[in-house]
Amino acid sequence: MERREQKIFQRQNRSVEVCGKCGGEGKILVWPEGDLWKQEEPTLEVCPLCEGSGLLRKTVTITTDLSPFRREE
């Protein structure tokens, strides 16, 4: 029986999205460790996820692999 080769398709989608950690502000409130009731004043720090820009570059790679289906007998 003749063997068909696989077909593999790859596609990349790129976009820019608002940071989910800081909500696009670029800064987050951080309470001191051990302050369970949040009685002390928080500090305003640069968001570690977006590094202060408020935006994230997102790249999604989609791979589709098409090959023949053979029933087992």
N, C-alpha and C. Protein backbone atom coordinates (compact mmCIF):
# COMPACT_ATOMS: atom_id res chain seq x y z
N MET A 1 0.84 -1.18 0.00
CA MET A 1 0.00 0.00 0.00
C MET A 1 0.89 1.25 0.00
N GLU A 2 0.49 2.22 -0.75
CA GLU A 2 1.25 3.46 -0.87
C GLU A 2 1.12 4.29 0.40
N ARG A 3 2.24 4.83 0.85
CA ARG A 3 2.23 5.62 2.08
C ARG A 3 2.18 7.10 1.71
N ARG A 4 1.22 7.81 2.27
CA ARG A 4 1.09 9.25 2.04
C ARG A 4 1.87 10.00 3.12
N GLU A 5 2.45 11.07 2.75
CA GLU A 5 3.21 11.83 3.74
C GLU A 5 2.28 12.75 4.53
N GLN A 6 2.73 13.09 5.71
CA GLN A 6 1.95 13.95 6.59
C GLN A 6 2.02 15.39 6.08
N LYS A 7 0.97 16.12 6.34
CA LYS A 7 0.96 17.55 6.04
C LYS A 7 0.90 18.29 7.37
N ILE A 8 1.86 19.16 7.59
CA ILE A 8 1.92 19.92 8.83
C ILE A 8 1.86 21.40 8.47
N PHE A 9 0.91 22.09 9.07
CA PHE A 9 0.74 23.53 8.85
C PHE A 9 1.02 24.25 10.16
N GLN A 10 1.79 25.33 10.08
CA GLN A 10 2.04 26.15 11.26
C GLN A 10 1.65 27.58 10.96
N ARG A 11 1.05 28.22 11.97
CA ARG A 11 0.63 29.61 11.83
C ARG A 11 0.87 30.32 13.16
N GLN A 12 1.33 31.55 13.10
CA GLN A 12 1.55 32.32 14.31
C GLN A 12 0.64 33.53 14.31
N ASN A 13 0.00 33.76 15.46
CA ASN A 13 -0.81 34.95 15.66
C ASN A 13 -0.11 35.80 16.71
N ARG A 14 0.09 37.06 16.39
CA ARG A 14 0.73 37.98 17.33
C ARG A 14 -0.25 39.10 17.66
N SER A 15 -0.27 39.47 18.94
CA SER A 15 -1.14 40.57 19.35
C SER A 15 -0.55 41.24 20.60
N VAL A 16 -1.07 42.39 20.93
CA VAL A 16 -0.68 43.11 22.14
C VAL A 16 -1.93 43.17 23.01
N GLU A 17 -1.77 42.80 24.30
CA GLU A 17 -2.90 42.76 25.22
C GLU A 17 -2.59 43.53 26.49
N VAL A 18 -3.64 43.94 27.16
CA VAL A 18 -3.51 44.63 28.44
C VAL A 18 -3.08 43.61 29.49
N CYS A 19 -2.16 43.99 30.34
CA CYS A 19 -1.65 43.10 31.40
C CYS A 19 -2.77 42.77 32.37
N GLY A 20 -2.93 41.47 32.65
CA GLY A 20 -3.96 41.03 33.56
C GLY A 20 -3.61 41.21 35.03
N LYS A 21 -2.35 41.36 35.33
CA LYS A 21 -1.92 41.50 36.73
C LYS A 21 -2.15 42.92 37.25
N CYS A 22 -1.82 43.92 36.43
CA CYS A 22 -1.95 45.31 36.88
C CYS A 22 -3.11 46.04 36.20
N GLY A 23 -3.79 45.38 35.26
CA GLY A 23 -4.94 46.00 34.59
C GLY A 23 -4.54 47.13 33.65
N GLY A 24 -3.29 47.12 33.19
CA GLY A 24 -2.83 48.14 32.25
C GLY A 24 -2.22 49.36 32.91
N GLU A 25 -2.16 49.37 34.23
CA GLU A 25 -1.61 50.52 34.96
C GLU A 25 -0.09 50.50 35.02
N GLY A 26 0.52 49.32 34.99
CA GLY A 26 1.97 49.21 35.07
C GLY A 26 2.50 49.15 36.48
N LYS A 27 1.63 49.35 37.48
CA LYS A 27 2.03 49.32 38.89
C LYS A 27 1.01 48.49 39.67
N ILE A 28 1.50 47.86 40.75
CA ILE A 28 0.63 47.08 41.62
C ILE A 28 0.86 47.47 43.08
N LEU A 29 -0.15 47.27 43.91
CA LEU A 29 -0.02 47.51 45.35
C LEU A 29 0.52 46.24 46.01
N VAL A 30 1.52 46.40 46.87
CA VAL A 30 2.13 45.27 47.56
C VAL A 30 2.11 45.56 49.06
N TRP A 31 1.46 44.65 49.83
CA TRP A 31 1.43 44.78 51.27
C TRP A 31 2.63 44.05 51.86
N PRO A 32 3.14 44.52 53.00
CA PRO A 32 4.27 43.84 53.66
C PRO A 32 3.89 42.41 54.03
N GLU A 33 4.87 41.50 53.96
CA GLU A 33 4.64 40.11 54.34
C GLU A 33 4.27 40.02 55.81
N GLY A 34 3.34 39.15 56.12
CA GLY A 34 2.92 38.96 57.50
C GLY A 34 1.80 39.89 57.92
N ASP A 35 1.41 40.85 57.09
CA ASP A 35 0.32 41.77 57.40
C ASP A 35 -0.99 41.17 56.88
N LEU A 36 -1.51 40.17 57.64
CA LEU A 36 -2.68 39.43 57.19
C LEU A 36 -3.94 40.29 57.13
N TRP A 37 -4.07 41.28 57.99
CA TRP A 37 -5.27 42.10 58.04
C TRP A 37 -5.09 43.41 57.27
N LYS A 38 -3.97 43.54 56.57
CA LYS A 38 -3.69 44.73 55.76
C LYS A 38 -3.85 46.03 56.56
N GLN A 39 -3.18 46.06 57.71
CA GLN A 39 -3.26 47.24 58.57
C GLN A 39 -2.18 48.26 58.23
N GLU A 40 -1.09 47.81 57.61
CA GLU A 40 -0.02 48.74 57.23
C GLU A 40 -0.29 49.29 55.83
N GLU A 41 0.39 50.35 55.49
CA GLU A 41 0.22 50.96 54.17
C GLU A 41 0.93 50.12 53.10
N PRO A 42 0.28 49.87 51.97
CA PRO A 42 0.94 49.14 50.89
C PRO A 42 1.91 50.04 50.13
N THR A 43 2.84 49.42 49.43
CA THR A 43 3.75 50.18 48.57
C THR A 43 3.34 49.98 47.12
N LEU A 44 3.56 50.98 46.31
CA LEU A 44 3.26 50.92 44.88
C LEU A 44 4.53 50.50 44.16
N GLU A 45 4.49 49.31 43.50
CA GLU A 45 5.67 48.78 42.84
C GLU A 45 5.39 48.53 41.36
N VAL A 46 6.47 48.47 40.59
CA VAL A 46 6.36 48.19 39.16
C VAL A 46 5.87 46.76 38.98
N CYS A 47 4.93 46.56 38.07
CA CYS A 47 4.38 45.23 37.81
C CYS A 47 5.48 44.32 37.25
N PRO A 48 5.70 43.15 37.88
CA PRO A 48 6.76 42.26 37.41
C PRO A 48 6.43 41.53 36.11
N LEU A 49 5.14 41.46 35.76
CA LEU A 49 4.74 40.74 34.55
C LEU A 49 4.97 41.58 33.29
N CYS A 50 4.52 42.83 33.30
CA CYS A 50 4.67 43.69 32.11
C CYS A 50 5.84 44.66 32.23
N GLU A 51 6.54 44.63 33.36
CA GLU A 51 7.68 45.51 33.64
C GLU A 51 7.33 46.99 33.53
N GLY A 52 6.09 47.32 33.92
CA GLY A 52 5.68 48.72 33.99
C GLY A 52 5.04 49.28 32.74
N SER A 53 4.98 48.54 31.66
CA SER A 53 4.39 49.08 30.43
C SER A 53 2.87 48.98 30.42
N GLY A 54 2.30 48.04 31.17
CA GLY A 54 0.85 47.86 31.18
C GLY A 54 0.36 46.99 30.04
N LEU A 55 1.26 46.62 29.14
CA LEU A 55 0.89 45.81 27.97
C LEU A 55 1.78 44.58 27.86
N LEU A 56 1.24 43.53 27.24
CA LEU A 56 1.98 42.30 27.01
C LEU A 56 1.91 41.93 25.54
N ARG A 57 3.02 41.47 24.99
CA ARG A 57 3.04 40.96 23.62
C ARG A 57 2.74 39.47 23.69
N LYS A 58 1.72 39.04 22.97
CA LYS A 58 1.28 37.64 23.01
C LYS A 58 1.49 37.00 21.64
N THR A 59 2.16 35.83 21.62
CA THR A 59 2.38 35.08 20.40
C THR A 59 1.80 33.68 20.58
N VAL A 60 0.88 33.31 19.70
CA VAL A 60 0.26 31.98 19.74
C VAL A 60 0.67 31.24 18.48
N THR A 61 1.24 30.04 18.65
CA THR A 61 1.63 29.21 17.52
C THR A 61 0.64 28.05 17.42
N ILE A 62 0.01 27.93 16.26
CA ILE A 62 -0.96 26.87 16.02
C ILE A 62 -0.35 25.88 15.04
N THR A 63 -0.29 24.61 15.44
CA THR A 63 0.25 23.56 14.57
C THR A 63 -0.86 22.57 14.28
N THR A 64 -1.10 22.33 12.99
CA THR A 64 -2.10 21.37 12.55
C THR A 64 -1.39 20.25 11.82
N ASP A 65 -1.59 19.02 12.27
CA ASP A 65 -0.95 17.85 11.68
C ASP A 65 -2.03 16.99 11.02
N LEU A 66 -1.97 16.84 9.71
CA LEU A 66 -2.93 16.03 8.97
C LEU A 66 -2.24 14.77 8.46
N SER A 67 -2.80 13.63 8.82
CA SER A 67 -2.26 12.35 8.35
C SER A 67 -3.43 11.40 8.10
N PRO A 68 -3.22 10.40 7.26
CA PRO A 68 -4.31 9.48 6.95
C PRO A 68 -4.76 8.69 8.19
N PHE A 69 -6.04 8.41 8.25
CA PHE A 69 -6.59 7.60 9.32
C PHE A 69 -6.73 6.17 8.80
N ARG A 70 -6.21 5.23 9.55
CA ARG A 70 -6.31 3.82 9.16
C ARG A 70 -6.99 3.06 10.28
N ARG A 71 -8.01 2.32 9.93
CA ARG A 71 -8.71 1.49 10.92
C ARG A 71 -7.89 0.24 11.21
N GLU A 72 -7.88 -0.13 12.46
CA GLU A 72 -7.17 -1.36 12.83
C GLU A 72 -8.09 -2.56 12.57
N GLU A 73 -7.55 -3.60 11.99
CA GLU A 73 -8.36 -4.79 11.70
C GLU A 73 -7.94 -5.96 12.53
